[in-house]
Protein backbone atom coordinates (compact mmCIF):
# COMPACT_ATOMS: atom_id res chain seq x y z
CA UNK A 1 10.67 -0.19 -13.97
CA UNK A 2 8.98 2.44 -11.81
CA UNK A 3 5.78 4.18 -12.80
CA UNK A 4 3.50 6.64 -11.07
CA UNK A 5 1.37 9.76 -11.29
CA UNK A 6 2.86 13.23 -11.46
CA UNK A 7 1.72 16.78 -11.89
CA UNK A 8 3.39 20.11 -12.58
CA UNK A 9 1.33 22.40 -10.37
CA UNK A 10 -2.15 20.96 -9.78
CA UNK A 11 -3.74 17.56 -10.32
CA UNK A 12 -5.57 19.07 -13.27
CA UNK A 13 -2.34 18.91 -15.27
CA UNK A 14 -1.35 15.47 -13.99
CA UNK A 15 -0.06 12.54 -16.02
CA UNK A 16 1.24 9.00 -15.65
CA UNK A 17 4.95 8.58 -16.11
CA UNK A 18 7.93 6.22 -16.03
CA UNK A 19 10.81 7.07 -13.71
CA UNK A 20 14.37 6.85 -15.05
CA UNK A 21 16.78 7.97 -12.33
CA UNK A 22 16.09 11.71 -12.05
CA UNK A 23 13.85 11.93 -15.11
CA UNK A 24 10.19 11.17 -15.76
CA UNK A 25 8.78 10.29 -19.18
CA UNK A 26 5.05 10.81 -19.50
CA UNK A 27 3.04 7.88 -20.89
CA UNK A 28 -0.43 7.43 -22.33
CA UNK A 29 -1.48 4.94 -19.62
CA UNK A 30 -0.05 2.41 -17.16
CA UNK A 31 -0.76 -0.60 -19.37
CA UNK A 32 0.52 0.37 -22.83
CA UNK A 33 3.20 2.75 -21.49
CA UNK A 34 3.74 4.64 -24.75
CA UNK A 35 6.25 7.36 -23.90
CA UNK A 36 5.39 10.92 -24.87
CA UNK A 37 7.38 13.69 -23.16
CA UNK A 38 10.27 14.00 -20.67
CA UNK A 39 10.53 16.03 -17.45
CA UNK A 40 12.94 16.38 -14.55
CA UNK A 41 11.64 14.64 -11.44
CA UNK A 42 12.65 17.57 -9.23
CA UNK A 43 10.27 19.84 -11.14
CA UNK A 44 7.25 17.61 -10.52
CA UNK A 45 5.00 16.76 -7.60
CA UNK A 46 4.36 13.09 -6.88
CA UNK A 47 0.71 12.05 -6.70
CA UNK A 48 -1.00 8.82 -5.73
CA UNK A 49 0.33 6.24 -8.26
CA UNK A 50 -3.15 4.93 -9.13
CA UNK A 51 -6.72 5.64 -8.06
CA UNK A 52 -8.09 2.26 -6.97
CA UNK A 53 -11.81 1.54 -7.10
CA UNK A 54 -11.20 -0.30 -3.83
CA UNK A 55 -8.43 -1.27 -1.45
CA UNK A 56 -8.64 -4.86 -0.28
CA UNK A 57 -6.59 -5.26 2.88
CA UNK A 58 -5.57 -8.46 4.64
CA UNK A 59 -5.54 -8.85 8.40
CA UNK A 60 -3.30 -11.10 10.48
CA UNK A 61 -1.25 -12.28 7.51
CA UNK A 62 2.10 -12.46 9.34
CA UNK A 63 2.72 -15.25 11.82
CA UNK A 64 4.55 -13.17 14.42
CA UNK A 65 2.03 -10.34 14.17
CA UNK A 66 -0.81 -12.73 14.91
CA UNK A 67 1.17 -13.98 17.89
CA UNK A 68 1.83 -10.48 19.26
CA UNK A 69 -1.92 -9.85 19.19
CA UNK A 70 -2.50 -13.25 20.80
CA UNK A 71 -4.70 -14.38 17.90
CA UNK A 72 -4.89 -17.79 16.30
CA UNK A 73 -3.44 -18.09 12.80
CA UNK A 74 -6.26 -17.69 10.27
CA UNK A 75 -7.25 -20.71 8.20
CA UNK A 76 -8.05 -18.51 5.20
CA UNK A 77 -7.28 -14.86 4.39
CA UNK A 78 -9.05 -12.35 6.60
CA UNK A 79 -9.99 -9.52 4.23
CA UNK A 80 -11.58 -6.10 4.69
CA UNK A 81 -12.04 -2.98 2.58
CA UNK A 82 -10.58 0.50 2.88
CA UNK A 83 -12.33 3.26 0.90
CA UNK A 84 -10.59 5.00 -2.02
CA UNK A 85 -11.28 8.30 -0.22
CA UNK A 86 -8.62 7.28 2.33
CA UNK A 87 -5.65 7.44 -0.07
CA UNK A 88 -2.89 10.04 0.13
CA UNK A 89 0.47 10.19 -1.67
CA UNK A 90 4.07 10.05 -0.56
CA UNK A 91 4.85 13.08 1.65
CA UNK A 92 1.14 13.64 2.31
CA UNK A 93 -0.15 14.34 5.81
CA UNK A 94 -1.95 11.69 7.87
CA UNK A 95 -4.66 13.57 9.76
CA UNK A 96 -5.03 12.51 13.39
CA UNK A 97 -8.82 12.57 14.01
CA UNK A 98 -10.05 14.26 17.16
CA UNK A 99 -12.14 11.17 18.00
CA UNK A 100 -9.10 8.85 18.02
CA UNK A 101 -7.03 8.11 21.13
CA UNK A 102 -4.42 5.85 19.54
CA UNK A 103 -3.26 6.04 15.91
CA UNK A 104 -1.00 3.23 14.64
CA UNK A 105 1.28 2.65 11.64
CA UNK A 106 1.25 -0.68 9.79
CA UNK A 107 3.91 -1.20 7.11
CA UNK A 108 2.62 -3.33 4.26
CA UNK A 109 3.47 -4.51 0.76
CA UNK A 110 0.86 -3.28 -1.71
CA UNK A 111 -0.03 -5.16 -4.91
CA UNK A 112 -1.52 -3.21 -7.81
CA UNK A 113 -3.82 -5.07 -10.20
CA UNK A 114 -3.16 -4.81 -13.96
CA UNK A 115 -6.33 -6.20 -15.53
CA UNK A 116 -9.80 -7.33 -14.54
CA UNK A 117 -9.50 -10.38 -12.30
CA UNK A 118 -12.40 -12.70 -11.55
CA UNK A 119 -12.03 -16.23 -10.17
CA UNK A 120 -8.32 -16.30 -10.97
CA UNK A 121 -6.41 -19.54 -10.44
CA UNK A 122 -3.42 -19.24 -8.11
CA UNK A 123 -1.10 -20.45 -10.89
CA UNK A 124 -2.24 -17.59 -13.16
CA UNK A 125 -2.25 -14.81 -10.56
CA UNK A 126 1.05 -13.20 -11.62
CA UNK A 127 -0.48 -12.31 -14.99
CA UNK A 128 -2.80 -9.90 -13.16
CA UNK A 129 -0.13 -7.94 -11.29
CA UNK A 130 0.91 -4.53 -12.55
CA UNK A 131 3.47 -4.06 -9.77
CA UNK A 132 4.18 -3.41 -6.12
CA UNK A 133 4.21 -0.38 -3.85
CA UNK A 134 4.75 0.55 -0.21
CA UNK A 135 1.55 0.91 1.82
CA UNK A 136 0.73 2.14 5.32
CA UNK A 137 -2.47 0.70 6.76
CA UNK A 138 -3.06 3.53 9.25
CA UNK A 139 -5.35 2.33 12.03
CA UNK A 140 -7.28 3.91 14.89
CA UNK A 141 -6.44 1.10 17.29
CA UNK A 142 -8.85 2.15 20.04
CA UNK A 143 -11.78 2.31 17.62
CA UNK A 144 -10.85 -1.04 16.14
CA UNK A 145 -11.17 -2.63 19.58
CA UNK A 146 -14.33 -0.68 20.38
CA UNK A 147 -16.21 -1.44 17.17
CA UNK A 148 -15.29 -5.10 16.82
CA UNK A 149 -15.05 -4.60 13.05
CA UNK A 150 -12.58 -2.46 11.21
CA UNK A 151 -14.36 -0.15 8.78
CA UNK A 152 -14.27 3.01 10.90
CA UNK A 153 -10.85 2.33 12.44
CA UNK A 154 -9.19 1.97 9.06
CA UNK A 155 -11.43 4.08 6.84
CA UNK A 156 -10.78 7.70 7.81
CA UNK A 157 -9.60 10.10 5.13
CA UNK A 158 -5.76 9.96 4.82
CA UNK A 159 -5.54 6.45 6.36
CA UNK A 160 -4.18 4.79 3.19
CA UNK A 161 -0.85 6.34 2.19
CA UNK A 162 0.90 4.46 -0.61
CA UNK A 163 3.59 5.03 -3.21
CA UNK A 164 5.60 6.87 -4.21
CA UNK A 165 5.78 4.65 -7.31
CA UNK A 166 4.71 1.25 -8.61
CA UNK A 167 7.65 -1.10 -9.17
CA UNK A 168 6.91 -3.54 -11.99
CA UNK A 169 10.01 -5.74 -11.83
CA UNK A 170 9.98 -7.40 -8.40
CA UNK A 171 10.79 -11.06 -9.02
CA UNK A 172 9.94 -12.53 -5.61
CA UNK A 173 7.52 -10.46 -3.51
CA UNK A 174 7.58 -13.08 -0.77
CA UNK A 175 11.20 -12.56 0.26
CA UNK A 176 11.53 -8.82 0.83
CA UNK A 177 12.69 -6.97 3.91
CA UNK A 178 9.91 -4.71 5.22
CA UNK A 179 10.32 -1.96 7.81
CA UNK A 180 8.42 0.84 9.51
CA UNK A 181 10.67 3.70 10.61
CA UNK A 182 9.23 6.26 13.02
CA UNK A 183 11.30 9.44 13.35
CA UNK A 184 14.46 7.55 12.29
CA UNK A 185 13.81 4.67 14.73
CA UNK A 186 13.09 1.24 13.24
CA UNK A 187 9.84 -0.08 14.72
CA UNK A 188 8.98 -2.93 12.37
CA UNK A 189 11.68 -5.07 10.75
CA UNK A 190 10.68 -8.35 9.17
CA UNK A 191 10.47 -10.23 5.89
CA UNK A 192 7.51 -10.85 3.63
CA UNK A 193 8.55 -14.50 3.85
CA UNK A 194 6.66 -14.51 7.18
CA UNK A 195 3.34 -14.01 5.34
CA UNK A 196 0.85 -16.78 5.94
CA UNK A 197 -0.82 -16.34 2.55
CA UNK A 198 1.38 -15.29 -0.38
CA UNK A 199 0.55 -12.79 -3.10
CA UNK A 200 -0.73 -15.30 -5.67
CA UNK A 201 -2.90 -17.02 -3.09
CA UNK A 202 -4.37 -13.69 -2.01
CA UNK A 203 -5.22 -12.64 -5.56
CA UNK A 204 -6.92 -15.96 -6.23
CA UNK A 205 -8.85 -15.92 -2.95
CA UNK A 206 -10.02 -12.30 -3.27
CA UNK A 207 -10.96 -12.63 -6.95
CA UNK A 208 -13.27 -15.51 -6.03
CA UNK A 209 -15.07 -13.14 -3.65
CA UNK A 210 -15.11 -9.92 -5.69
CA UNK A 211 -13.96 -8.79 -9.12
CA UNK A 212 -10.71 -6.84 -9.06
CA UNK A 213 -10.29 -4.03 -11.58
CA UNK A 214 -7.20 -2.36 -13.07
CA UNK A 215 -5.64 -0.13 -10.43
CA UNK A 216 -7.20 -1.90 -7.47
CA UNK A 217 -4.84 -2.36 -4.56
CA UNK A 218 -4.29 -5.32 -2.26
CA UNK A 219 -2.59 -4.51 1.05
CA UNK A 220 -1.02 -7.81 2.07
CA UNK A 221 -0.84 -7.41 5.85
CA UNK A 222 1.68 -6.12 8.38
CA UNK A 223 4.41 -7.83 10.41
CA UNK A 224 4.96 -7.60 14.15
CA UNK A 225 6.00 -4.33 15.78
CA UNK A 226 2.92 -2.16 15.25
CA UNK A 227 2.74 0.91 17.43
CA UNK A 228 1.35 4.42 17.92
CA UNK A 229 2.07 7.73 16.21
CA UNK A 230 1.48 11.27 17.48
CA UNK A 231 1.12 14.61 15.76
CA UNK A 232 4.44 15.82 14.41
CA UNK A 233 5.76 12.30 13.71
CA UNK A 234 7.36 11.22 10.46
CA UNK A 235 6.63 7.64 9.43
CA UNK A 236 8.43 5.77 6.63
CA UNK A 237 7.57 2.40 5.11
CA UNK A 238 10.72 0.87 3.62
CA UNK A 239 10.50 -2.28 1.50
CA UNK A 240 13.41 -3.92 -0.28
CA UNK A 241 13.36 -3.08 -4.00
CA UNK A 242 10.86 -0.23 -3.64
CA UNK A 243 11.19 3.49 -3.01
CA UNK A 244 10.51 4.67 0.55
CA UNK A 245 7.03 5.91 1.42
CA UNK A 246 7.20 8.78 3.90
CA UNK A 247 4.31 10.64 5.48
CA UNK A 248 3.76 13.06 8.32
CA UNK A 249 1.18 13.06 11.10
CA UNK A 250 -0.71 16.27 11.66
């Protein structure tokens, strides 16, 4: 089942909805999902599926990616935060800041939290998952190297595209093909099976550090093949079982 946020003309008339082929049925909220009214998808604009209070991202969570950066494999998840002000929807424009010399794509599987999670046991983690979405951890690579920590490099406005929908029926998130496609050329092509720390382990680890709230997003890391984008580029994150996330660089 796919769910997301839609609006007719402006975000002021927006609503959550379930996607059935070419139709969208509005719902009261993402948890209860009581259906209300039906619309044609082509008549609607797609917004950001949820508004997270925080985005918890994971660095160096793919073995081959760590190797391409010549880093040791982490012994525990390496986490950092991206601000909610950085989110943009499917088809939104990634703004290339004037202060940045190299802007990179990073295709990632996003996990959306369903209910408040605090000190969750790994065995119970699936109970806290609303669903999955495609995520692009846009990164100012030169500033990341310059700063030595990642807040500025990954925190600019528009640096967290995700969507277009949340898929609630993925059975095994740790065996999905994941790709980044830049202007029709495949740049990243791997499997989530290469993740060092799986989804349940990440939820447990993070929830022992900070409380996760409904709608919060975990970006689970990127595989090898990261690279730069320039103005005018089109970047797509394609993950098996999910709808493509496409954005433009401007």
